[in-house]
Structure formats: C-alpha cells, structure tokens
Amino acid sequence: MTDPAKVRRHAERIRELVASVVRSQIKDPRLGMITITDARITADLRDATVFYTVLGDAAAQASTAAALESAKGMLRSTVGKALGLRHSPTLTFVLDDVQDQVKHIDDLLAAARTADAEVQRLAAQASYAGDAQPYRVEEEDEDGEDAPAEDEGDDEPRAGDRR
C-alpha cells in the first residue's frame, strides 16, 4: 500500500506542475483566466484529477475545458517526467464550481436566518397552552415557610433503631 504522505506530496507536485505548464507553455487562445485549485491522485498513483476555476461565463469555461483537453498529452508527459514514476498518471480535468457552491450556501444561510427570525417573532407572541406552572409546587404555611413533609420528624433515635 502506498504511503498517504507520499500520495499527498505527489498530488501537490502535480498541481504545481500543471499550473506552471498552463501558465508558461500552453499558448492556446481558447485558454481563459484559469486557476489550478487542487489536484488529487489515487493511491496507486495511476489517475490524477486536477481541479480548476475559470474567470468568466459558461462560454469561457467551455473553451478553457477544450483547451485543457487538447493539451492533456503534453501535460501528462511533463508530469510523468517530473515525478519520475514508472507510469505517468492519467490526468482528468474537473471544473471546480466553488463560487456556485458558496453562493448556494449563502442563500441557504440567509433563508435559515429569516426562518429563525420568524420563529423568534412567533415565540414572542406565544402563550402557554395549559397552566403557566404545570408542575406541583409545595404549598406554603401562613408563616411563609414550607410545610414539613410527613416523614420528617425529630432526629432522636427511637427504641430499636440502630446507629
């Protein structure tokens, strides 16, 4: 089994290599404003997934995906030579939609805040369904002291009690 630390190091190295090659060697005009965000590699070091983001609309994302797909062979050979592995890992490029997920989470949090505010508003106007004090409370004597319970008494020992 492969060491997890070694797998992480190789994934980080793949991310750096792909970012460097995309920045300096790929001259495809379809390539947009791209950022390589992450890379993951399987434990057997055969398949690598590279995550990227693109600044722009859906057309820019599609053209960048096509440019990366056409440069996949050059990127794979560069990564294979740099890593020095027996087998060059196959590269799969995945659009990282972090911004869409962030917006979705922000929308969910805003909806939760409005629902919480509505619950607080309803709770402020609420009244008890039954008695305000549903539990039995010991009654007080005229003196203001609690009435003693029936089994309480003096603490003197009785005949036959052991101490």
Protein backbone atom coordinates (compact mmCIF):
# COMPACT_ATOMS: atom_id res chain seq x y z
CA MET A 1 0.00 0.00 0.00
CA THR A 2 1.24 3.50 -0.80
CA ASP A 3 2.13 5.94 1.95
CA PRO A 4 -0.60 8.63 2.26
CA ALA A 5 2.03 11.33 2.80
CA LYS A 6 3.72 10.31 -0.45
CA VAL A 7 0.37 10.46 -2.27
CA ARG A 8 -0.27 13.97 -0.89
CA ARG A 9 3.20 15.14 -1.94
CA HIS A 10 2.68 13.80 -5.46
CA ALA A 11 -0.74 15.47 -5.68
CA GLU A 12 0.73 18.79 -4.58
CA ARG A 13 3.56 18.42 -7.09
CA ILE A 14 1.07 17.65 -9.88
CA ARG A 15 -0.91 20.79 -9.00
CA GLU A 16 2.25 22.92 -9.14
CA LEU A 17 3.46 21.35 -12.39
CA VAL A 18 0.15 21.71 -14.20
CA ALA A 19 -0.18 25.33 -13.06
CA SER A 20 3.34 26.11 -14.24
CA VAL A 21 2.87 24.45 -17.64
CA VAL A 22 -0.52 26.09 -18.20
CA ARG A 23 0.97 29.49 -17.37
CA SER A 24 4.16 29.21 -19.42
CA GLN A 25 3.92 26.57 -22.18
CA ILE A 26 0.32 26.36 -23.39
CA LYS A 27 -0.33 29.06 -25.97
CA ASP A 28 -3.89 28.04 -26.85
CA PRO A 29 -6.07 31.16 -27.39
CA ARG A 30 -9.07 29.27 -26.00
CA LEU A 31 -7.43 29.13 -22.58
CA GLY A 32 -9.07 31.71 -20.34
CA MET A 33 -8.16 33.13 -16.96
CA ILE A 34 -7.56 29.80 -15.25
CA THR A 35 -6.50 28.90 -11.73
CA ILE A 36 -5.50 25.37 -10.76
CA THR A 37 -7.09 24.96 -7.34
CA ASP A 38 -6.36 21.36 -6.35
CA ALA A 39 -5.08 18.00 -7.54
CA ARG A 40 -5.85 14.56 -6.20
CA ILE A 41 -4.20 11.31 -7.13
CA THR A 42 -5.28 7.75 -6.46
CA ALA A 43 -3.33 5.59 -4.04
CA ASP A 44 -1.82 3.54 -6.88
CA LEU A 45 -0.53 6.81 -8.48
CA ARG A 46 -2.18 5.98 -11.82
CA ASP A 47 -5.02 8.52 -12.07
CA ALA A 48 -4.88 12.20 -11.14
CA THR A 49 -7.77 14.64 -11.02
CA VAL A 50 -6.92 18.31 -11.46
CA PHE A 51 -9.48 20.90 -10.32
CA TYR A 52 -9.53 24.34 -11.89
CA THR A 53 -11.59 27.52 -11.91
CA VAL A 54 -12.12 29.90 -14.81
CA LEU A 55 -12.94 33.56 -14.60
CA GLY A 56 -15.77 34.27 -17.00
CA ASP A 57 -19.07 32.96 -18.27
CA ALA A 58 -20.07 29.50 -19.47
CA ALA A 59 -18.53 30.07 -22.91
CA ALA A 60 -15.14 30.86 -21.34
CA GLN A 61 -15.44 27.75 -19.17
CA ALA A 62 -16.26 25.56 -22.17
CA SER A 63 -13.39 26.93 -24.28
CA THR A 64 -10.93 26.51 -21.41
CA ALA A 65 -12.10 22.91 -20.91
CA ALA A 66 -11.49 22.25 -24.61
CA ALA A 67 -8.02 23.82 -24.43
CA LEU A 68 -7.08 21.70 -21.42
CA GLU A 69 -8.39 18.57 -23.12
CA SER A 70 -6.26 19.25 -26.20
CA ALA A 71 -3.15 19.90 -24.06
CA LYS A 72 -3.71 16.83 -21.87
CA GLY A 73 -0.99 14.75 -23.60
CA MET A 74 1.71 17.38 -23.16
CA LEU A 75 0.68 17.94 -19.55
CA ARG A 76 0.73 14.20 -18.84
CA SER A 77 4.21 13.73 -20.30
CA THR A 78 5.54 16.74 -18.37
CA VAL A 79 4.04 15.46 -15.11
CA GLY A 80 5.33 11.92 -15.74
CA LYS A 81 8.89 13.11 -16.41
CA ALA A 82 8.93 15.42 -13.39
CA LEU A 83 7.54 12.86 -10.94
CA GLY A 84 9.80 10.05 -12.12
CA LEU A 85 7.17 7.37 -11.66
CA ARG A 86 7.05 4.12 -13.56
CA HIS A 87 3.68 5.07 -15.06
CA SER A 88 2.63 8.60 -15.87
CA PRO A 89 -0.72 9.26 -14.22
CA THR A 90 -3.67 9.96 -16.47
CA LEU A 91 -4.99 13.48 -15.99
CA THR A 92 -8.65 14.34 -15.65
CA PHE A 93 -9.66 18.00 -15.52
CA VAL A 94 -12.69 18.96 -13.44
CA LEU A 95 -14.20 22.43 -13.27
CA ASP A 96 -14.20 23.47 -9.61
CA ASP A 97 -17.50 25.24 -9.01
CA VAL A 98 -16.58 26.64 -5.60
CA GLN A 99 -18.15 30.03 -6.31
CA ASP A 100 -21.51 28.46 -7.19
CA GLN A 101 -21.42 26.35 -4.04
CA VAL A 102 -20.51 29.40 -1.93
CA LYS A 103 -23.46 31.32 -3.36
CA HIS A 104 -25.78 28.37 -2.73
CA ILE A 105 -24.60 28.06 0.88
CA ASP A 106 -25.01 31.81 1.41
CA ASP A 107 -28.57 31.59 0.07
CA LEU A 108 -29.32 28.68 2.42
CA LEU A 109 -27.90 30.60 5.40
CA ALA A 110 -29.98 33.66 4.52
CA ALA A 111 -33.12 31.51 4.34
CA ALA A 112 -32.25 29.95 7.71
CA ARG A 113 -31.78 33.40 9.25
CA THR A 114 -35.19 34.59 8.04
CA ALA A 115 -36.82 31.38 9.30
CA ASP A 116 -35.15 31.84 12.71
CA ALA A 117 -36.34 35.44 12.86
CA GLU A 118 -39.89 34.29 12.08
CA VAL A 119 -39.72 31.64 14.83
CA GLN A 120 -38.46 34.25 17.31
CA ARG A 121 -41.27 36.62 16.33
CA LEU A 122 -43.88 33.88 16.81
CA ALA A 123 -42.32 32.78 20.10
CA ALA A 124 -42.52 36.33 21.48
CA GLN A 125 -46.30 36.39 20.89
CA ALA A 126 -46.90 32.85 22.15
CA SER A 127 -48.76 31.97 25.35
CA TYR A 128 -48.89 28.77 27.35
CA ALA A 129 -51.25 26.05 26.14
CA GLY A 130 -52.08 24.97 29.68
CA ASP A 131 -51.18 26.33 33.11
CA ALA A 132 -48.24 28.66 33.33
CA GLN A 133 -46.77 26.36 36.02
CA PRO A 134 -47.64 22.76 35.13
CA TYR A 135 -45.59 21.22 37.95
CA ARG A 136 -46.76 20.58 41.50
CA VAL A 137 -45.36 23.12 43.96
CA GLU A 138 -45.27 22.65 47.74
CA GLU A 139 -47.73 24.95 49.43
CA GLU A 140 -46.54 27.45 51.98
CA ASP A 141 -47.89 27.81 55.53
CA GLU A 142 -49.25 31.05 56.85
CA ASP A 143 -45.76 31.72 58.29
CA GLY A 144 -44.24 31.74 54.84
CA GLU A 145 -42.34 28.52 55.48
CA ASP A 146 -42.76 25.31 53.54
CA ALA A 147 -44.91 22.73 55.24
CA PRO A 148 -42.82 19.81 56.54
CA ALA A 149 -43.17 16.52 54.78
CA GLU A 150 -44.93 13.71 56.60
CA ASP A 151 -41.88 11.54 57.18
CA GLU A 152 -39.82 14.35 58.67
CA GLY A 153 -39.63 14.44 62.41
CA ASP A 154 -37.22 14.79 65.25
CA ASP A 155 -33.80 13.28 64.83
CA GLU A 156 -33.80 11.45 68.19
CA PRO A 157 -33.26 7.73 67.93
CA ARG A 158 -36.19 5.52 68.68
CA ALA A 159 -36.10 2.32 70.56
CA GLY A 160 -34.89 -0.43 68.29
CA ASP A 161 -33.14 1.92 65.85
CA ARG A 162 -29.50 1.28 65.22
CA ARG A 163 -26.97 3.99 64.75
